[in-house]
Protein backbone atom coordinates (compact mmCIF):
# COMPACT_ATOMS: atom_id res chain seq x y z
CA MET A 1 4.08 3.08 -23.60
CA ILE A 2 6.53 0.31 -24.50
CA LYS A 3 5.32 -1.83 -27.37
CA HIS A 4 6.30 -5.48 -27.45
CA ALA A 5 5.37 -8.79 -28.99
CA HIS A 6 5.25 -12.03 -27.06
CA ALA A 7 6.23 -15.17 -28.92
CA ALA A 8 8.44 -17.07 -26.50
CA ALA A 9 5.70 -18.06 -24.07
CA THR A 10 3.51 -19.54 -26.78
CA ALA A 11 6.24 -21.88 -28.05
CA ALA A 12 8.52 -22.67 -25.11
CA VAL A 13 8.27 -24.98 -22.13
CA PRO A 14 7.89 -23.10 -18.81
CA VAL A 15 11.20 -22.41 -17.14
CA LEU A 16 9.33 -22.29 -13.84
CA GLU A 17 6.01 -23.85 -12.92
CA LEU A 18 4.15 -23.85 -9.61
CA SER A 19 1.46 -26.48 -9.26
CA SER A 20 -1.26 -26.66 -6.57
CA ILE A 21 0.70 -24.60 -4.04
CA SER A 22 -1.05 -24.28 -0.67
CA LYS A 23 0.13 -22.51 2.47
CA ALA A 24 -1.70 -21.93 5.73
CA PHE A 25 -0.88 -20.04 8.92
CA PRO A 26 -2.79 -20.23 12.22
CA GLY A 27 -6.32 -19.13 11.37
CA VAL A 28 -5.42 -18.06 7.82
CA LYS A 29 -5.40 -19.96 4.52
CA ALA A 30 -2.92 -17.80 2.62
CA LEU A 31 -2.73 -19.89 -0.57
CA SER A 32 -5.02 -22.62 -1.84
CA GLU A 33 -4.06 -24.78 -4.83
CA VAL A 34 -2.31 -21.90 -6.62
CA GLY A 35 -0.59 -22.44 -9.96
CA LEU A 36 1.77 -20.23 -11.98
CA ARG A 37 3.66 -20.72 -15.24
CA LEU A 38 6.64 -18.57 -16.17
CA TYR A 39 8.23 -18.83 -19.61
CA PRO A 40 11.64 -17.67 -20.85
CA GLY A 41 11.55 -14.36 -22.67
CA GLU A 42 8.39 -12.97 -21.02
CA VAL A 43 7.27 -10.49 -18.41
CA HIS A 44 4.53 -12.14 -16.37
CA THR A 45 2.69 -9.81 -13.99
CA LEU A 46 1.18 -11.01 -10.72
CA MET A 47 -1.86 -8.94 -9.71
CA GLY A 48 -4.16 -8.95 -6.70
CA GLN A 49 -5.53 -6.84 -3.90
CA ASN A 50 -3.99 -6.63 -0.44
CA GLY A 51 -4.23 -10.08 1.16
CA ALA A 52 -4.58 -11.86 -2.19
CA GLY A 53 -1.53 -14.03 -1.49
CA LYS A 54 1.11 -12.43 -3.74
CA SER A 55 3.74 -11.97 -1.04
CA THR A 56 3.20 -15.46 0.34
CA LEU A 57 3.55 -16.97 -3.12
CA ILE A 58 6.84 -15.13 -3.69
CA LYS A 59 8.15 -16.28 -0.29
CA VAL A 60 7.29 -19.87 -1.16
CA LEU A 61 9.01 -19.49 -4.51
CA THR A 62 12.15 -17.99 -2.94
CA GLY A 63 12.48 -20.46 -0.06
CA VAL A 64 11.32 -18.21 2.78
CA TYR A 65 8.30 -20.50 3.36
CA ALA A 66 7.95 -24.17 2.64
CA PRO A 67 4.60 -24.94 0.97
CA ASP A 68 2.18 -27.19 2.83
CA SER A 69 1.45 -28.97 -0.44
CA GLY A 70 2.10 -28.58 -4.13
CA GLN A 71 5.16 -28.66 -6.35
CA ILE A 72 7.73 -26.26 -7.83
CA LEU A 73 9.23 -27.30 -11.16
CA LEU A 74 12.35 -25.71 -12.65
CA ASP A 75 12.97 -26.82 -16.24
CA GLY A 76 10.46 -29.57 -15.60
CA LYS A 77 12.32 -30.95 -12.57
CA PRO A 78 11.03 -30.71 -8.98
CA VAL A 79 12.94 -28.29 -6.73
CA GLN A 80 12.51 -27.38 -3.07
CA PRO A 81 14.32 -24.12 -2.23
CA ARG A 82 15.11 -24.12 1.49
CA SER A 83 16.19 -20.48 1.71
CA THR A 84 16.65 -17.38 -0.41
CA LEU A 85 20.30 -18.37 -0.89
CA ASP A 86 19.21 -21.82 -2.04
CA ALA A 87 16.75 -20.20 -4.48
CA GLN A 88 19.55 -17.99 -5.82
CA HIS A 89 21.76 -21.03 -6.39
CA LEU A 90 18.89 -22.52 -8.41
CA GLY A 91 18.79 -19.34 -10.52
CA ILE A 92 15.79 -17.61 -8.90
CA SER A 93 16.64 -14.05 -7.81
CA THR A 94 14.41 -11.38 -6.26
CA VAL A 95 14.62 -7.60 -6.25
CA TYR A 96 12.38 -6.16 -3.56
CA GLN A 97 10.41 -2.94 -3.28
CA GLU A 98 12.94 -1.46 -0.86
CA VAL A 99 16.46 -1.54 -2.27
CA ASN A 100 18.18 -3.99 0.06
CA LEU A 101 21.76 -2.85 -0.49
CA CYS A 102 24.44 -0.94 1.43
CA PRO A 103 24.45 2.76 0.49
CA ASN A 104 27.85 3.37 2.11
CA LEU A 105 29.59 0.79 -0.11
CA SER A 106 30.56 1.37 -3.72
CA VAL A 107 28.36 0.26 -6.60
CA ALA A 108 30.82 -2.52 -7.47
CA GLU A 109 30.97 -3.74 -3.85
CA ASN A 110 27.18 -3.91 -3.69
CA ILE A 111 27.00 -6.02 -6.84
CA PHE A 112 29.64 -8.49 -5.61
CA ILE A 113 29.12 -8.36 -1.85
CA GLY A 114 29.73 -11.83 -0.43
CA ARG A 115 31.18 -13.02 -3.76
CA TYR A 116 34.17 -10.75 -4.29
CA PRO A 117 36.57 -11.89 -7.03
CA ALA A 118 39.91 -12.78 -5.45
CA ARG A 119 43.50 -12.96 -6.56
CA ARG A 120 46.28 -14.43 -4.44
CA GLY A 121 44.03 -14.46 -1.37
CA ALA A 122 42.95 -10.81 -1.66
CA ILE A 123 40.04 -9.00 -3.29
CA ASP A 124 40.77 -8.26 -6.93
CA TRP A 125 39.40 -4.70 -6.98
CA ARG A 126 40.24 -4.05 -10.60
CA ALA A 127 38.48 -7.22 -11.79
CA MET A 128 35.46 -6.46 -9.61
CA GLN A 129 35.11 -2.95 -11.00
CA HIS A 130 35.56 -4.16 -14.59
CA GLN A 131 32.92 -6.90 -14.16
CA ALA A 132 30.51 -4.51 -12.41
CA THR A 133 30.84 -2.02 -15.27
CA ALA A 134 30.13 -4.80 -17.80
CA LEU A 135 27.05 -5.99 -15.88
CA LEU A 136 25.60 -2.48 -15.76
CA GLN A 137 26.33 -1.92 -19.44
CA ARG A 138 24.18 -4.98 -20.10
CA LEU A 139 21.38 -2.90 -18.57
CA GLN A 140 22.35 0.18 -20.60
CA ILE A 141 23.62 1.90 -17.44
CA GLN A 142 26.94 3.73 -17.55
CA ILE A 143 28.06 5.02 -14.17
CA ASP A 144 31.21 5.18 -12.07
CA VAL A 145 31.09 1.91 -10.11
CA THR A 146 33.74 3.11 -7.65
CA LEU A 147 31.41 5.74 -6.14
CA PRO A 148 29.20 4.97 -3.12
CA LEU A 149 25.73 3.67 -4.02
CA SER A 150 24.20 6.62 -2.11
CA CYS A 151 25.51 8.99 -4.80
CA TYR A 152 22.91 7.72 -7.26
CA PRO A 153 19.10 8.11 -7.45
CA LEU A 154 16.74 5.32 -6.44
CA ALA A 155 16.14 4.21 -10.03
CA VAL A 156 19.86 3.57 -10.57
CA GLN A 157 20.01 1.77 -7.22
CA GLN A 158 17.25 -0.52 -8.51
CA MET A 159 19.40 -1.25 -11.58
CA VAL A 160 22.32 -2.09 -9.30
CA ALA A 161 20.07 -4.52 -7.40
CA ILE A 162 19.04 -6.11 -10.71
CA SER A 163 22.70 -6.34 -11.76
CA ARG A 164 23.47 -8.14 -8.52
CA ALA A 165 20.66 -10.59 -9.26
CA LEU A 166 21.98 -11.19 -12.78
CA ASN A 167 25.49 -11.69 -11.45
CA ILE A 168 24.38 -14.86 -9.70
CA SER A 169 23.31 -16.42 -13.02
CA ALA A 170 19.62 -15.75 -12.54
CA ARG A 171 17.28 -17.39 -14.99
CA VAL A 172 14.17 -16.19 -13.18
CA LEU A 173 14.02 -12.58 -12.01
CA ILE A 174 11.29 -11.62 -9.53
CA LEU A 175 10.58 -7.89 -9.18
CA ASP A 176 8.40 -7.18 -6.14
CA GLU A 177 6.85 -3.69 -6.45
CA PRO A 178 10.04 -2.22 -7.96
CA THR A 179 8.34 0.98 -9.18
CA SER A 180 6.58 2.06 -5.98
CA SER A 181 9.12 4.83 -5.30
CA LEU A 182 10.06 5.74 -8.89
CA ASP A 183 8.83 8.68 -10.95
CA ASP A 184 7.57 8.26 -14.53
CA ALA A 185 10.97 8.80 -16.18
CA GLU A 186 12.59 6.29 -13.84
CA VAL A 187 9.84 3.76 -14.53
CA GLN A 188 10.47 4.09 -18.26
CA LEU A 189 14.19 3.48 -17.67
CA LEU A 190 13.39 0.32 -15.71
CA PHE A 191 10.96 -0.89 -18.37
CA SER A 192 13.57 -0.33 -21.08
CA VAL A 193 15.94 -2.55 -19.11
CA LEU A 194 13.26 -5.21 -18.61
CA SER A 195 12.51 -5.21 -22.34
CA GLY A 196 16.19 -5.85 -23.03
CA LEU A 197 16.31 -8.70 -20.51
CA ARG A 198 13.18 -10.21 -22.04
CA GLU A 199 14.82 -10.18 -25.46
CA GLN A 200 17.80 -12.01 -23.94
CA GLY A 201 15.46 -14.79 -22.80
CA MET A 202 15.07 -13.86 -19.14
CA ALA A 203 11.88 -15.00 -17.39
CA ILE A 204 10.57 -12.06 -15.35
CA LEU A 205 7.86 -12.17 -12.69
CA PHE A 206 6.65 -8.60 -12.12
CA VAL A 207 4.53 -7.72 -9.07
CA THR A 208 2.73 -4.38 -9.11
CA HIS A 209 -0.50 -2.57 -8.22
CA PHE A 210 -0.32 -0.10 -11.09
CA LEU A 211 -2.66 -0.76 -14.03
CA ASP A 212 -0.85 1.50 -16.50
CA GLN A 213 2.45 -0.22 -15.79
CA THR A 214 0.88 -3.64 -16.07
CA TYR A 215 -0.34 -2.94 -19.59
CA ALA A 216 2.91 -1.18 -20.56
CA ILE A 217 5.24 -4.11 -19.88
CA SER A 218 3.29 -7.37 -19.42
CA ASP A 219 2.94 -10.35 -21.75
CA ARG A 220 0.68 -12.34 -19.44
CA ILE A 221 -1.13 -11.71 -16.18
CA THR A 222 -1.99 -14.03 -13.31
CA VAL A 223 -4.67 -12.73 -10.92
CA LEU A 224 -4.85 -13.88 -7.29
CA ARG A 225 -7.85 -13.23 -5.05
CA ASN A 226 -8.18 -14.34 -1.43
CA GLY A 227 -5.37 -16.86 -1.78
CA VAL A 228 -6.80 -18.51 -4.89
CA ARG A 229 -5.67 -18.15 -8.49
CA GLU A 230 -8.55 -16.45 -10.27
CA GLY A 231 -6.99 -17.01 -13.69
CA GLU A 232 -4.12 -16.58 -16.13
CA TYR A 233 -4.58 -14.30 -19.13
CA ALA A 234 -2.75 -12.89 -22.12
CA CYS A 235 -2.37 -9.17 -21.43
CA SER A 236 -3.72 -8.28 -24.88
CA ALA A 237 -6.88 -10.32 -24.26
CA LEU A 238 -7.83 -8.79 -20.88
CA SER A 239 -9.37 -5.32 -20.67
CA ARG A 240 -8.56 -3.07 -17.75
CA LEU A 241 -12.14 -3.22 -16.47
CA ALA A 242 -12.11 -7.01 -16.65
CA LEU A 243 -8.81 -7.09 -14.74
CA VAL A 244 -10.15 -4.82 -11.98
CA ASN A 245 -13.32 -6.89 -11.72
CA LYS A 246 -11.30 -10.09 -11.37
CA MET A 247 -9.07 -8.55 -8.70
CA VAL A 248 -11.95 -7.33 -6.53
CA GLY A 249 -14.32 -10.18 -7.31
CA ALA A 250 -17.00 -8.06 -8.97
CA SER A 251 -18.88 -8.40 -12.23
CA ALA A 252 -21.03 -6.14 -14.34
CA GLU A 253 -24.09 -7.47 -12.53
CA ASP A 254 -22.75 -6.61 -9.10
CA ALA A 255 -23.80 -2.96 -8.95
CA THR A 256 -24.44 -2.14 -5.35
CA GLU A 257 -27.95 -1.62 -4.14
CA THR A 258 -26.77 0.50 -1.25
CA ALA A 259 -25.01 3.27 -3.18
CA GLY A 260 -27.86 5.67 -2.54
CA VAL A 261 -28.15 5.07 1.20
CA ASP A 262 -27.67 8.34 3.03
CA ALA A 263 -25.11 8.46 5.83
CA SER A 264 -27.71 10.12 7.99
CA ASP A 265 -29.66 6.85 8.00
CA ALA A 266 -27.10 5.40 10.41
CA ALA A 267 -28.13 5.18 14.03
CA ASP A 268 -26.90 8.18 15.98
CA PRO A 269 -24.85 7.08 18.99
CA VAL A 270 -25.31 8.74 22.34
CA ASP A 271 -23.68 12.11 22.91
CA GLY A 272 -19.98 11.73 23.55
CA PRO A 273 -17.74 13.13 26.26
CA ASP A 274 -17.21 16.86 26.58
CA ASN A 275 -14.04 16.63 24.52
CA ALA A 276 -15.92 15.33 21.49
CA THR A 277 -16.98 17.92 18.95
CA ASP A 278 -20.58 19.04 19.19
CA ARG A 279 -20.39 21.81 16.56
CA LYS A 280 -23.08 21.91 13.91
CA THR A 281 -22.16 23.77 10.78
CA GLY A 282 -25.21 23.41 8.60
CA GLY A 283 -23.56 25.48 5.85
CA GLY A 284 -20.81 22.97 5.14
CA GLU A 285 -18.11 25.63 5.06
CA MET A 286 -14.61 24.78 3.86
CA PHE A 287 -12.21 23.33 6.43
CA LEU A 288 -9.22 22.10 4.40
CA GLN A 289 -8.08 23.08 0.92
CA ALA A 290 -5.07 21.32 -0.63
CA ARG A 291 -3.62 22.55 -3.90
CA SER A 292 -1.04 20.66 -6.03
CA LEU A 293 -0.10 18.55 -3.01
CA GLY A 294 2.34 15.89 -4.12
CA ARG A 295 5.46 13.87 -3.46
CA GLN A 296 7.76 12.56 -6.17
CA GLY A 297 7.41 8.82 -6.60
CA ALA A 298 4.42 8.68 -4.25
CA LEU A 299 1.59 10.98 -5.38
CA ALA A 300 0.99 13.20 -8.41
CA PRO A 301 -0.03 16.79 -7.50
CA LEU A 302 -3.49 16.60 -5.95
CA ASP A 303 -6.23 19.20 -5.39
CA LEU A 304 -8.59 18.35 -2.55
CA ASP A 305 -11.35 20.25 -0.73
CA ILE A 306 -12.87 18.97 2.51
CA HIS A 307 -15.81 20.72 4.18
CA LYS A 308 -16.98 20.73 7.76
CA GLY A 309 -19.70 18.19 8.36
CA GLU A 310 -18.70 16.22 5.24
CA LEU A 311 -17.48 12.67 4.80
CA LEU A 312 -15.16 12.59 1.78
CA GLY A 313 -14.32 9.08 0.56
CA LEU A 314 -11.10 8.11 -1.20
CA CYS A 315 -11.31 4.89 -3.16
CA GLY A 316 -9.08 2.98 -5.53
CA LEU A 317 -7.00 -0.14 -5.67
CA LEU A 318 -4.14 -0.73 -3.25
CA GLY A 319 -1.22 1.42 -4.42
CA SER A 320 -3.51 3.96 -6.09
CA GLY A 321 -2.30 6.79 -3.84
CA ARG A 322 -5.02 6.76 -1.17
CA THR A 323 -2.76 6.24 1.83
CA GLU A 324 -0.04 8.44 0.34
CA ALA A 325 -2.54 11.32 0.14
CA ALA A 326 -3.62 10.79 3.75
CA ARG A 327 -0.03 10.74 5.02
CA LEU A 328 0.82 13.95 3.15
CA LEU A 329 -2.26 15.71 4.53
CA PHE A 330 -1.22 14.74 8.06
CA GLY A 331 2.46 15.52 7.67
CA ALA A 332 3.48 11.90 8.30
CA ASP A 333 5.30 12.18 4.95
CA LYS A 334 6.59 15.52 3.76
CA ALA A 335 5.24 16.81 0.45
CA ASP A 336 7.66 18.31 -2.05
CA SER A 337 5.00 20.41 -3.79
CA GLY A 338 1.74 22.15 -2.99
CA THR A 339 0.06 23.99 -0.14
CA ILE A 340 -2.61 23.34 2.46
CA ALA A 341 -4.99 25.99 3.76
CA ILE A 342 -6.81 25.33 7.04
CA ALA A 343 -9.79 27.56 7.80
CA GLY A 344 -8.35 30.22 5.48
CA ARG A 345 -4.82 30.03 6.94
CA LYS A 346 -2.14 28.75 4.55
CA GLY A 347 0.21 26.07 5.71
CA HIS A 348 3.89 25.99 4.88
CA MET A 349 5.01 25.22 1.36
CA GLY A 350 5.01 21.46 1.13
CA SER A 351 2.12 21.18 3.63
CA PHE A 352 2.75 20.27 7.24
CA SER A 353 6.33 19.53 8.19
CA SER A 354 5.28 16.99 10.82
CA PRO A 355 2.18 15.41 12.40
CA ARG A 356 2.58 17.88 15.27
CA ASP A 357 1.66 20.71 12.86
CA ALA A 358 -1.42 18.81 11.66
CA ILE A 359 -2.55 18.05 15.20
CA ALA A 360 -2.15 21.72 16.11
CA ALA A 361 -4.37 22.57 13.10
CA GLY A 362 -7.10 20.28 14.46
CA ILE A 363 -6.48 17.12 12.41
CA GLY A 364 -6.34 13.53 13.68
CA PHE A 365 -5.15 10.46 11.78
CA CYS A 366 -5.98 6.78 12.29
CA SER A 367 -3.40 4.85 10.25
CA GLU A 368 -4.29 1.74 8.23
CA ASP A 369 -1.68 -0.24 10.19
CA ARG A 370 -3.03 -0.17 13.72
CA LYS A 371 -0.42 -2.66 14.96
CA LEU A 372 2.64 -0.79 13.67
CA GLU A 373 1.54 2.86 13.54
CA GLY A 374 -1.52 2.94 15.79
CA ALA A 375 -1.87 0.98 18.99
CA ILE A 376 1.08 0.89 21.40
CA LEU A 377 0.53 -2.73 22.39
CA ALA A 378 2.60 -2.59 25.57
CA LEU A 379 0.49 0.28 26.97
CA SER A 380 -2.92 0.16 28.60
CA VAL A 381 -6.23 1.26 27.13
CA ARG A 382 -6.04 4.44 29.24
CA GLU A 383 -2.52 5.26 28.10
CA ASN A 384 -3.37 4.70 24.45
CA ILE A 385 -6.42 6.96 24.67
CA ILE A 386 -4.58 9.94 26.17
CA LEU A 387 -1.47 9.60 23.98
CA ALA A 388 -2.34 12.17 21.26
CA LEU A 389 -3.79 14.65 23.76
CA GLN A 390 -0.63 14.42 25.88
CA ALA A 391 1.53 14.91 22.79
CA ARG A 392 -0.39 18.07 21.90
CA THR A 393 -0.27 19.35 25.48
CA GLY A 394 3.47 18.72 25.78
CA LEU A 395 5.61 16.69 28.16
CA LEU A 396 5.96 19.63 30.55
CA HIS A 397 2.21 19.68 31.12
CA ALA A 398 1.36 16.14 32.13
CA ILE A 399 -2.31 15.18 32.14
CA SER A 400 -3.28 14.26 35.69
CA ARG A 401 -4.06 10.63 36.48
CA LYS A 402 -7.56 11.67 37.54
CA ARG A 403 -8.28 13.34 34.19
CA GLN A 404 -6.77 10.38 32.31
CA GLN A 405 -9.12 8.02 34.14
CA ALA A 406 -12.12 10.24 33.48
CA LEU A 407 -11.37 10.51 29.77
CA ALA A 408 -10.76 6.78 29.40
CA ASN A 409 -13.93 5.86 31.25
CA ASP A 410 -16.00 8.33 29.24
CA TYR A 411 -14.79 7.03 25.87
CA ILE A 412 -15.04 3.38 26.90
CA LYS A 413 -18.67 4.02 27.76
CA TRP A 414 -19.46 6.17 24.73
CA LEU A 415 -17.83 3.93 22.12
CA GLY A 416 -18.79 0.68 23.83
CA ILE A 417 -15.19 -0.51 24.17
CA LYS A 418 -15.17 -3.99 25.68
CA THR A 419 -12.32 -4.14 28.18
CA PRO A 420 -12.07 -5.44 31.77
CA ASP A 421 -10.85 -2.01 32.91
CA ILE A 422 -9.03 1.08 31.68
CA ASP A 423 -5.61 -0.30 32.65
CA THR A 424 -5.92 -3.50 30.64
CA PRO A 425 -3.14 -3.76 27.98
CA ILE A 426 -4.61 -2.88 24.60
CA ALA A 427 -2.89 -5.95 23.13
CA SER A 428 -5.43 -8.16 24.90
CA LEU A 429 -8.43 -6.50 23.17
CA SER A 430 -10.06 -7.67 19.97
CA GLY A 431 -9.24 -5.88 16.70
CA GLY A 432 -12.54 -4.01 16.72
CA ASN A 433 -12.05 -2.77 20.27
CA GLN A 434 -8.46 -1.75 19.53
CA GLN A 435 -9.79 0.31 16.63
CA LYS A 436 -12.32 2.00 18.93
CA VAL A 437 -9.51 2.89 21.33
CA LEU A 438 -7.59 4.55 18.49
CA LEU A 439 -10.71 6.47 17.48
CA ALA A 440 -11.08 7.57 21.13
CA ARG A 441 -7.44 8.72 21.12
CA TRP A 442 -8.14 11.28 18.41
CA LEU A 443 -11.58 12.27 19.63
CA ALA A 444 -9.95 13.18 22.96
CA THR A 445 -8.07 15.96 21.13
CA ALA A 446 -11.40 17.49 19.98
CA PRO A 447 -10.31 17.54 16.31
CA ASP A 448 -12.00 19.48 13.53
CA MET A 449 -11.08 16.78 11.03
CA LEU A 450 -10.36 13.05 11.18
CA ILE A 451 -8.44 11.06 8.56
CA LEU A 452 -9.51 7.43 8.78
CA ASP A 453 -7.40 5.04 6.70
CA GLU A 454 -9.05 1.59 6.59
CA PRO A 455 -10.68 2.01 10.03
CA THR A 456 -12.75 -1.17 9.64
CA ARG A 457 -10.15 -3.52 8.14
CA GLY A 458 -9.84 -6.87 9.88
CA ILE A 459 -12.68 -6.43 12.36
CA ASP A 460 -16.04 -8.17 12.64
CA VAL A 461 -19.23 -6.97 10.96
CA ARG A 462 -20.87 -5.68 14.14
CA ALA A 463 -17.79 -3.65 15.14
CA LYS A 464 -17.58 -2.24 11.59
CA GLN A 465 -21.14 -1.01 11.75
CA GLU A 466 -20.68 0.48 15.22
CA ILE A 467 -17.56 2.39 14.18
CA MET A 468 -19.18 3.74 11.01
CA ASP A 469 -22.25 4.77 13.01
CA TYR A 470 -20.01 6.84 15.32
CA VAL A 471 -18.14 8.32 12.36
CA THR A 472 -21.26 9.43 10.50
CA ALA A 473 -22.70 10.86 13.71
CA LEU A 474 -19.54 12.93 14.20
CA CYS A 475 -19.97 14.22 10.66
CA ARG A 476 -23.47 15.40 11.41
CA LYS A 477 -22.08 17.30 14.39
CA GLY A 478 -19.76 19.23 12.08
CA MET A 479 -16.55 17.20 11.93
CA ALA A 480 -14.81 16.83 8.56
CA ILE A 481 -13.94 13.21 7.76
CA LEU A 482 -11.58 11.83 5.12
CA PHE A 483 -12.47 8.16 4.82
CA ILE A 484 -10.40 5.49 3.04
CA SER A 485 -11.56 1.92 2.56
CA SER A 486 -10.91 -0.96 0.18
CA GLU A 487 -14.57 -1.94 0.48
CA LEU A 488 -16.32 -0.05 -2.30
CA SER A 489 -19.78 -0.66 -0.87
CA GLU A 490 -18.71 0.94 2.42
CA VAL A 491 -17.28 4.03 0.69
CA LEU A 492 -20.38 4.42 -1.49
CA ARG A 493 -22.77 3.99 1.40
CA CYS A 494 -21.14 6.48 3.76
CA SER A 495 -19.56 9.20 1.62
CA ASP A 496 -21.03 12.57 0.69
CA ARG A 497 -18.44 12.89 -2.09
CA ILE A 498 -15.97 10.41 -3.56
CA VAL A 499 -12.55 10.97 -5.11
CA VAL A 500 -11.39 8.00 -7.17
CA MET A 501 -7.63 7.32 -7.26
CA ARG A 502 -5.68 5.42 -9.90
CA ASP A 503 -1.92 4.96 -10.28
CA ARG A 504 -1.06 7.71 -7.74
CA LYS A 505 -3.44 10.24 -9.31
CA ALA A 506 -6.95 11.53 -8.65
CA CYS A 507 -8.94 10.52 -11.72
CA GLY A 508 -12.41 11.78 -10.82
CA GLU A 509 -14.62 13.39 -8.19
CA TYR A 510 -18.28 12.41 -7.78
CA GLY A 511 -21.23 13.36 -5.59
CA ARG A 512 -23.44 10.99 -3.63
CA GLY A 513 -25.45 8.71 -5.91
CA GLU A 514 -23.42 9.44 -9.07
CA LEU A 515 -21.56 6.12 -8.86
CA ASP A 516 -22.32 2.52 -8.03
CA GLU A 517 -19.79 -0.30 -7.66
CA THR A 518 -19.76 -1.03 -11.38
CA SER A 519 -19.13 2.57 -12.41
CA VAL A 520 -16.44 3.00 -9.72
CA LEU A 521 -14.60 0.04 -11.22
CA GLN A 522 -14.93 1.61 -14.66
CA VAL A 523 -13.32 4.83 -13.40
CA ILE A 524 -10.55 2.87 -11.67
CA ALA A 525 -9.94 0.96 -14.90
CA GLY A 526 -9.72 4.22 -16.87
CA GLU A 527 -12.87 3.66 -18.90
CA SER A 528 -15.36 6.44 -19.64
CA LEU A 529 -18.76 6.28 -17.96
């Protein structure tokens, strides 16, 4: 862990100050009277759950959005950045999570793209390469700047992006999730560079979800929750548990009263169509066994057992590794270590090579992003329901229109999907009904296991309860369920076992009733129970 002392912020005037910033979109109040102070010579970390308003605040600060109200002060003077280029001219530069550079161009060209030094009307290549080398040396990076950017690892590419930001005379450097794809050694390299920039007087706004990294590099922390600034704190004065509580809006007195509710208490929906599983296992035999499953920069090697007829909950803050684990188990991302055994049959080294392999093994996956990775909005309810089954069957064996209609009608009735008819575009349905269609899509394949990543996010309370009722009923019929949710009370109420994730690692496994909301937060914060 990098040790540092913070003196600049206690004595200096803020180089950047946001006061009473508000921003609304149709139906959404993204920011409400938010303030932020950033001093020279400090790393100030912005923390908050998904939807807290971090991205919107950065877009206001960098000129992507104009605030509805409030003021931005730079050196005490009001500024109104109209675009990212305008913000850069003011000295506010941003390095985003995804390196936004050109891998086919040289390192030097990437640093100076759009601002090439010229001599006698032509690019001065020698001057550009000399200046690029000097900028990178400022960051303690010594590489051949004439080579294509693609020759270097992601961590070095991040340094090149930072060098580009510094080359435009940045006084404020915003780093938006810069470590999400870096391994531990690369993170330490980045933090060493940030420490050097801090000593040179740079004001750095650092956005991350990782608790360990927050406490390794931060001087102060601002917490956002639901578009409102919860508070600003000296890093040394805020414990990890207190930070987690402030992010999720919990307190020590908020221990859930529903942690001991058994999933079997949920109302059992009517029997589903013939395709739906009706197997009862009773013995809870093993279905999936993952060993040392991991992906560099995404998930530390993970051991996971999932039994038939069991609902296993994954919980943790956003960025903790929950979704990364789900995607590796389904083959949506390819693991670079570990194995998966399904019903005693080992998968390939590195788990499944594609979702097709997982589907063939009897696994379905409802992604957390139903708009981008789930529902095909241009297709009908019927077409969305039969999509996974048709993919498994193959294009050469088209499902007849009659069978498509029968399946769609059966699942619409069973899951209570509210739609005028089976050929209505799914885009016209409510969020809850879209989610039911996606659940029907995977049930139509008669899976042995379902991975549900945030299946109730963004839908109304009644639809949430209906979906969870169906899920728990499927469990009782023998289906294995891996359930991911940001709502701790929901995970505690429904899960037979819980695996708690923190900073891309599994940090504990607990049976039903062993945890309540308070103790889950303690585990997430890294405190002993």
